[in-house]
Protein backbone atom coordinates (compact mmCIF):
# COMPACT_ATOMS: atom_id res chain seq x y z
CA UNK A 1 101.59 78.28 73.30
CA UNK A 2 99.67 81.53 73.63
CA UNK A 3 96.52 82.20 71.69
CA UNK A 4 96.10 85.33 69.53
CA UNK A 5 93.79 86.76 72.18
CA UNK A 6 96.58 86.50 74.79
CA UNK A 7 98.91 88.64 72.70
CA UNK A 8 96.09 91.09 71.91
CA UNK A 9 95.29 91.38 75.63
CA UNK A 10 98.99 91.92 76.41
CA UNK A 11 99.15 94.68 73.80
CA UNK A 12 96.09 96.38 75.30
CA UNK A 13 97.60 96.08 78.80
CA UNK A 14 100.91 97.55 77.63
CA UNK A 15 99.11 100.43 75.92
CA UNK A 16 97.09 101.14 79.08
CA UNK A 17 100.24 101.09 81.21
CA UNK A 18 101.98 103.46 78.78
CA UNK A 19 99.02 105.86 78.83
CA UNK A 20 98.87 105.68 82.63
CA UNK A 21 102.57 106.51 82.92
CA UNK A 22 102.28 109.29 80.33
CA UNK A 23 99.36 110.74 82.29
CA UNK A 24 101.38 110.71 85.52
CA UNK A 25 104.33 112.35 83.77
CA UNK A 26 102.12 115.07 82.28
CA UNK A 27 100.47 115.61 85.65
CA UNK A 28 103.91 116.14 87.20
CA UNK A 29 105.06 118.27 84.27
CA UNK A 30 108.14 116.15 83.60
CA UNK A 31 109.48 114.92 80.24
CA UNK A 32 108.01 111.74 78.78
CA UNK A 33 111.50 110.20 78.92
CA UNK A 34 111.49 110.20 82.73
CA UNK A 35 111.86 106.67 84.08
CA UNK A 36 108.64 104.89 85.06
CA UNK A 37 110.30 103.57 88.20
CA UNK A 38 111.28 107.08 89.29
CA UNK A 39 107.77 108.48 88.76
CA UNK A 40 106.13 105.66 90.72
CA UNK A 41 108.68 105.89 93.55
CA UNK A 42 108.48 109.67 93.68
CA UNK A 43 104.70 109.65 93.93
CA UNK A 44 104.70 106.59 96.23
CA UNK A 45 102.35 104.76 93.85
CA UNK A 46 102.15 101.23 92.56
CA UNK A 47 102.12 100.23 88.92
CA UNK A 48 98.92 99.30 87.14
CA UNK A 49 100.16 95.72 87.04
CA UNK A 50 100.39 95.72 90.84
CA UNK A 51 96.89 97.23 91.14
CA UNK A 52 95.43 94.72 88.67
CA UNK A 53 96.94 91.83 90.60
CA UNK A 54 95.46 93.10 93.85
CA UNK A 55 92.03 93.27 92.19
CA UNK A 56 92.41 89.83 90.60
CA UNK A 57 93.49 88.17 93.86
CA UNK A 58 90.68 89.86 95.80
CA UNK A 59 88.17 88.58 93.21
CA UNK A 60 89.71 85.07 93.19
CA UNK A 61 89.79 84.83 97.00
CA UNK A 62 86.23 86.15 97.29
CA UNK A 63 85.06 83.34 95.00
CA UNK A 64 87.19 80.79 96.85
CA UNK A 65 85.50 81.68 100.13
CA UNK A 66 81.99 81.94 98.63
CA UNK A 67 79.36 79.33 99.52
CA UNK A 68 79.59 76.07 97.57
CA UNK A 69 76.28 76.79 95.85
CA UNK A 70 77.44 80.13 94.43
CA UNK A 71 77.10 80.09 90.64
CA UNK A 72 80.23 82.21 90.13
CA UNK A 73 82.28 79.85 92.28
CA UNK A 74 81.03 76.86 90.28
CA UNK A 75 81.97 78.62 87.03
CA UNK A 76 85.50 79.28 88.33
CA UNK A 77 85.88 75.65 89.43
CA UNK A 78 84.81 74.57 85.93
CA UNK A 79 87.29 77.08 84.52
CA UNK A 80 90.04 75.57 86.70
CA UNK A 81 89.14 72.06 85.55
CA UNK A 82 89.34 73.12 81.91
CA UNK A 83 92.73 74.74 82.51
CA UNK A 84 94.33 71.89 84.49
CA UNK A 85 92.70 68.84 82.94
CA UNK A 86 92.29 69.94 79.33
CA UNK A 87 94.98 72.62 78.92
CA UNK A 88 92.48 75.31 77.95
CA UNK A 89 93.97 78.82 77.97
CA UNK A 90 91.35 80.66 79.99
CA UNK A 91 91.20 82.99 83.00
CA UNK A 92 92.37 80.34 85.48
CA UNK A 93 95.21 79.26 83.21
CA UNK A 94 96.34 82.89 82.82
CA UNK A 95 96.28 83.52 86.57
CA UNK A 96 98.19 80.30 87.33
CA UNK A 97 100.69 80.92 84.52
CA UNK A 98 101.41 84.48 85.70
CA UNK A 99 101.64 83.43 89.35
CA UNK A 100 104.29 80.87 88.33
CA UNK A 101 106.38 83.75 86.96
CA UNK A 102 106.51 85.10 90.54
CA UNK A 103 107.49 81.66 91.84
CA UNK A 104 104.02 81.08 93.31
CA UNK A 105 102.47 77.75 92.36
CA UNK A 106 98.84 76.94 92.96
CA UNK A 107 97.89 73.38 93.90
CA UNK A 108 96.53 71.59 90.87
CA UNK A 109 93.49 70.23 92.66
CA UNK A 110 90.39 70.99 90.69
CA UNK A 111 87.68 70.18 93.23
CA UNK A 112 87.98 73.54 94.99
CA UNK A 113 89.46 76.98 94.43
CA UNK A 114 92.76 77.48 96.27
CA UNK A 115 93.22 80.67 98.26
CA UNK A 116 96.03 82.84 96.89
CA UNK A 117 98.39 84.28 99.49
CA UNK A 118 98.30 88.02 98.79
CA UNK A 119 101.51 88.71 100.73
CA UNK A 120 103.54 86.25 98.66
CA UNK A 121 102.29 87.66 95.37
CA UNK A 122 102.83 91.23 96.58
CA UNK A 123 106.39 90.33 97.54
CA UNK A 124 106.92 88.90 94.04
CA UNK A 125 105.56 92.08 92.45
CA UNK A 126 107.74 94.26 94.67
CA UNK A 127 110.76 92.15 93.79
CA UNK A 128 110.04 92.63 90.08
CA UNK A 129 109.64 96.38 90.62
CA UNK A 130 112.93 96.54 92.54
CA UNK A 131 114.86 95.00 89.64
CA UNK A 132 115.11 98.44 88.01
CA UNK A 133 117.12 99.59 91.06
CA UNK A 134 119.43 96.58 91.20
CA UNK A 135 122.96 96.77 89.86
CA UNK A 136 122.93 100.56 89.80
CA UNK A 137 126.31 102.19 89.88
CA UNK A 138 126.97 104.40 92.88
CA UNK A 139 128.40 107.06 90.59
CA UNK A 140 126.36 108.37 87.64
CA UNK A 141 129.59 109.00 85.69
CA UNK A 142 130.35 105.28 85.64
CA UNK A 143 126.75 104.24 84.94
CA UNK A 144 125.64 103.34 81.43
CA UNK A 145 123.93 106.27 79.71
CA UNK A 146 120.40 104.95 80.16
CA UNK A 147 120.97 104.43 83.91
CA UNK A 148 122.78 107.69 84.70
CA UNK A 149 119.59 109.62 85.52
CA UNK A 150 118.18 106.67 87.44
CA UNK A 151 121.40 106.41 89.43
CA UNK A 152 121.43 110.14 90.17
CA UNK A 153 117.83 110.16 91.36
CA UNK A 154 118.27 107.00 93.44
CA UNK A 155 121.42 108.23 95.17
CA UNK A 156 120.55 111.89 95.77
CA UNK A 157 116.86 112.59 95.31
CA UNK A 158 115.00 109.45 96.42
CA UNK A 159 112.52 110.29 99.20
CA UNK A 160 113.38 108.54 102.44
CA UNK A 161 110.36 109.61 104.46
CA UNK A 162 107.33 108.23 102.63
CA UNK A 163 105.03 108.60 105.64
CA UNK A 164 104.98 112.40 105.21
CA UNK A 165 105.29 113.03 101.45
CA UNK A 166 106.26 116.50 100.32
CA UNK A 167 103.70 116.52 97.48
CA UNK A 168 100.93 116.88 100.07
CA UNK A 169 102.30 120.26 101.16
CA UNK A 170 99.97 123.23 100.56
CA UNK A 171 101.72 124.73 97.52
CA UNK A 172 100.29 125.72 94.16
CA UNK A 173 100.25 123.24 91.30
CA UNK A 174 102.60 125.42 89.28
CA UNK A 175 105.22 125.46 92.04
CA UNK A 176 104.86 121.74 92.66
CA UNK A 177 105.42 121.04 88.96
CA UNK A 178 108.54 123.22 89.03
CA UNK A 179 109.78 121.33 92.06
CA UNK A 180 109.08 117.95 90.44
CA UNK A 181 110.86 119.02 87.24
CA UNK A 182 113.89 119.87 89.36
CA UNK A 183 113.79 116.56 91.23
CA UNK A 184 113.09 114.37 88.22
């Protein structure tokens, strides 16, 4: 069971993600109805959720490898004990619960902080992000209405060479916005 603060935090996160995506769409000069997945793929960016997980894992792993006398490490170990032994919904519980949604399970030992494998979590995040591209029709005419634009962009406009992105070309902002409006 989630506490009221969990749902409040989720609402704040969702609002931040929506504002982030709206900002990116305005920056590109495209309609607010443009798919989030298309914007992120077009700009070769990760979602805020992906960024937040990278920061969380870096923080967690830094504490896991800190000296045993480090106060912050001791607090996290106590936090882990509360989560695993007493079922307290705290930071450690949230991290473990969310990692389980990616299929990543932390050992339930509470004497030390387990290191989180960044590559496994990143693969889980990328898999979740790729779900918006799965089961796309190859023809936009046969795709459901909400997926027709996504299908069109994926099949004909998706950038294949991400090592040399076109948006780094020396063109004016006005022309780049026009180009992005055409592509998206």
